[in-house]
Amino acid sequence: MSMIGEYLRVTAAELDRAIHAPDWALDFVEEVQEAEEESEPALAEARHYSTYKTWDMLRFLLARAEFPVNVIHGEEPFTEDEDWGYGPPRYLRPERVRLAAEALRATSYAQLISGVDPAELTSAEVYPLGWSEPGSLEWGRPWYDGLTQFFEAAARADDAMLVWLD
């Protein structure tokens, strides 16, 4: 089983409902995921995004760059009693989504991996292992670029973000 980084854009009203009814939130997530699997919307219109297994690599790189927002795990819990795969979900408020979008836009993937030795990821036991493969640092580029586009679209819409590992 893999650990996958997951994101769902939500309106302020949907965030408020998720906070007060976490069971509703999980049902809503599943509905959106199913609908988007069929329709495959462009990132600018998508409500769901996944960083696949790159989440821990991106966490490592963003922490190394002293990124101002925890886009990998979210910042605020809205339920401690629910487990959405690998722990409870968290969220980012719209103002934190905007800050994250600005910071992602200002930080290229080339900047993130500049000066990084893949052995650092191995030493830090970054999931998934296998960092000694040639070009391993390039693996995260398309997911980082997608995450950047996804956050930019959410920021333009003044959306909040649900964040979890599945």
Protein backbone atom coordinates (compact mmCIF):
# COMPACT_ATOMS: atom_id res chain seq x y z
CA MET A 1 0.00 0.00 0.00
CA SER A 2 1.23 3.45 -0.91
CA MET A 3 0.97 6.72 0.96
CA ILE A 4 -0.50 9.40 -1.28
CA GLY A 5 -0.72 13.16 -0.63
CA GLU A 6 -4.27 14.40 -1.25
CA TYR A 7 -5.87 17.86 -1.56
CA LEU A 8 -9.40 19.12 -1.96
CA ARG A 9 -10.33 22.73 -2.70
CA VAL A 10 -13.34 23.84 -0.66
CA THR A 11 -15.31 27.05 -0.39
CA ALA A 12 -15.56 28.87 2.94
CA ALA A 13 -19.04 27.40 3.46
CA GLU A 14 -17.80 23.88 2.67
CA LEU A 15 -14.87 24.32 5.06
CA ASP A 16 -17.23 25.42 7.82
CA ARG A 17 -19.43 22.41 7.17
CA ALA A 18 -16.39 20.07 7.15
CA ILE A 19 -15.24 21.45 10.50
CA HIS A 20 -18.65 20.88 12.04
CA ALA A 21 -19.45 17.60 10.24
CA PRO A 22 -16.28 15.61 9.46
CA ASP A 23 -18.34 12.61 8.29
CA TRP A 24 -19.93 14.84 5.66
CA ALA A 25 -16.44 16.00 4.60
CA LEU A 26 -15.22 12.48 3.89
CA ASP A 27 -18.36 11.69 1.88
CA PHE A 28 -17.92 14.96 -0.03
CA VAL A 29 -14.26 14.15 -0.78
CA GLU A 30 -15.24 10.75 -2.17
CA GLU A 31 -18.00 12.28 -4.32
CA VAL A 32 -15.63 14.86 -5.81
CA GLN A 33 -12.90 12.26 -6.42
CA GLU A 34 -15.35 9.95 -8.22
CA ALA A 35 -16.81 12.76 -10.31
CA GLU A 36 -13.38 14.05 -11.33
CA GLU A 37 -12.08 10.57 -12.20
CA GLU A 38 -14.81 10.48 -14.83
CA SER A 39 -14.63 14.09 -16.07
CA GLU A 40 -10.84 14.64 -15.73
CA PRO A 41 -11.02 18.44 -15.40
CA ALA A 42 -8.05 20.71 -16.12
CA LEU A 43 -6.04 21.66 -13.02
CA ALA A 44 -7.49 25.18 -13.07
CA GLU A 45 -10.98 23.72 -12.62
CA ALA A 46 -10.14 20.62 -10.57
CA ARG A 47 -11.18 20.45 -6.94
CA HIS A 48 -9.04 17.39 -6.14
CA TYR A 49 -5.30 16.97 -6.60
CA SER A 50 -2.81 14.32 -5.58
CA THR A 51 0.94 14.59 -5.21
CA TYR A 52 1.07 10.80 -5.47
CA LYS A 53 4.02 9.36 -3.52
CA THR A 54 6.07 12.56 -3.88
CA TRP A 55 4.49 14.11 -0.79
CA ASP A 56 7.38 13.24 1.54
CA MET A 57 10.02 14.29 -0.97
CA LEU A 58 8.22 17.61 -1.40
CA ARG A 59 7.90 17.94 2.39
CA PHE A 60 11.66 17.46 2.74
CA LEU A 61 12.50 19.95 -0.03
CA LEU A 62 10.02 22.58 1.16
CA ALA A 63 11.21 22.30 4.78
CA ARG A 64 14.80 22.68 3.58
CA ALA A 65 13.72 25.85 1.75
CA GLU A 66 11.96 27.13 4.91
CA PHE A 67 8.62 27.26 3.11
CA PRO A 68 6.14 29.49 5.00
CA VAL A 69 3.07 27.20 4.80
CA ASN A 70 2.72 23.50 5.56
CA VAL A 71 1.20 22.52 2.23
CA ILE A 72 2.05 18.85 2.70
CA HIS A 73 0.20 18.12 5.94
CA GLY A 74 -2.04 21.16 6.32
CA GLU A 75 -1.96 23.39 9.36
CA GLU A 76 -5.21 23.11 11.30
CA PRO A 77 -6.96 19.91 12.37
CA PHE A 78 -10.71 19.74 11.98
CA THR A 79 -11.08 16.27 13.42
CA GLU A 80 -8.80 14.15 15.54
CA ASP A 81 -11.23 11.23 15.62
CA GLU A 82 -11.20 10.53 11.87
CA ASP A 83 -8.50 8.64 10.00
CA TRP A 84 -8.56 9.30 6.26
CA GLY A 85 -5.84 6.77 5.49
CA TYR A 86 -2.77 7.80 7.43
CA GLY A 87 -4.09 10.00 10.18
CA PRO A 88 -6.63 12.77 10.48
CA PRO A 89 -7.16 15.36 7.76
CA ARG A 90 -6.16 18.98 8.23
CA TYR A 91 -6.88 22.20 6.38
CA LEU A 92 -5.50 25.51 5.20
CA ARG A 93 -7.63 28.65 5.42
CA PRO A 94 -7.97 30.78 2.25
CA GLU A 95 -5.36 33.32 3.40
CA ARG A 96 -2.84 30.48 3.92
CA VAL A 97 -3.73 29.05 0.49
CA ARG A 98 -3.00 32.49 -1.03
CA LEU A 99 0.34 32.72 0.79
CA ALA A 100 1.22 29.18 -0.29
CA ALA A 101 0.31 29.94 -3.91
CA GLU A 102 2.52 33.03 -3.91
CA ALA A 103 5.42 31.13 -2.34
CA LEU A 104 5.03 28.14 -4.69
CA ARG A 105 4.98 30.49 -7.69
CA ALA A 106 8.13 32.23 -6.41
CA THR A 107 10.00 28.97 -5.76
CA SER A 108 10.87 26.98 -8.84
CA TYR A 109 11.49 23.27 -8.64
CA ALA A 110 15.05 23.92 -9.83
CA GLN A 111 15.53 26.16 -6.78
CA LEU A 112 14.13 23.46 -4.49
CA ILE A 113 16.56 20.79 -5.67
CA SER A 114 19.56 23.07 -6.15
CA GLY A 115 22.44 21.78 -4.04
CA VAL A 116 20.48 18.77 -2.77
CA ASP A 117 22.38 15.50 -2.68
CA PRO A 118 20.01 12.52 -3.07
CA ALA A 119 21.93 10.91 -0.20
CA GLU A 120 20.31 13.53 2.08
CA LEU A 121 16.89 12.07 1.27
CA THR A 122 18.14 8.55 1.90
CA SER A 123 19.71 9.61 5.20
CA ALA A 124 16.46 11.32 6.25
CA GLU A 125 14.49 8.18 5.25
CA VAL A 126 12.27 10.18 2.92
CA TYR A 127 9.38 8.08 1.60
CA PRO A 128 9.58 6.23 -0.75
CA LEU A 129 13.16 5.11 -0.55
CA GLY A 130 15.30 4.71 -3.68
CA TRP A 131 17.03 8.06 -3.91
CA SER A 132 20.27 6.60 -5.24
CA GLU A 133 18.73 6.12 -8.70
CA PRO A 134 20.04 8.55 -11.34
CA GLY A 135 17.69 11.51 -11.80
CA SER A 136 15.72 10.66 -8.66
CA LEU A 137 15.36 14.32 -7.71
CA GLU A 138 13.59 15.04 -11.02
CA TRP A 139 10.82 12.61 -10.11
CA GLY A 140 8.93 15.23 -8.09
CA ARG A 141 8.98 17.99 -10.73
CA PRO A 142 5.60 17.29 -12.44
CA TRP A 143 3.80 16.94 -9.10
CA TYR A 144 5.35 20.13 -7.74
CA ASP A 145 4.38 21.99 -10.90
CA GLY A 146 0.85 20.58 -10.63
CA LEU A 147 0.65 21.50 -6.94
CA THR A 148 1.69 25.04 -7.82
CA GLN A 149 -1.03 25.33 -10.48
CA PHE A 150 -3.61 23.77 -8.17
CA PHE A 151 -2.84 26.19 -5.33
CA GLU A 152 -2.86 29.16 -7.72
CA ALA A 153 -6.33 28.20 -8.96
CA ALA A 154 -7.55 27.77 -5.37
CA ALA A 155 -6.10 31.15 -4.39
CA ARG A 156 -7.83 32.88 -7.34
CA ALA A 157 -11.15 31.37 -6.18
CA ASP A 158 -10.46 32.28 -2.52
CA ASP A 159 -10.80 28.60 -1.61
CA ALA A 160 -9.57 26.80 1.48
CA MET A 161 -7.87 23.41 1.22
CA LEU A 162 -8.42 20.06 2.91
CA VAL A 163 -5.16 18.09 3.14
CA TRP A 164 -4.57 14.44 4.07
CA LEU A 165 -2.48 11.34 3.42
CA ASP A 166 -4.28 8.35 1.98
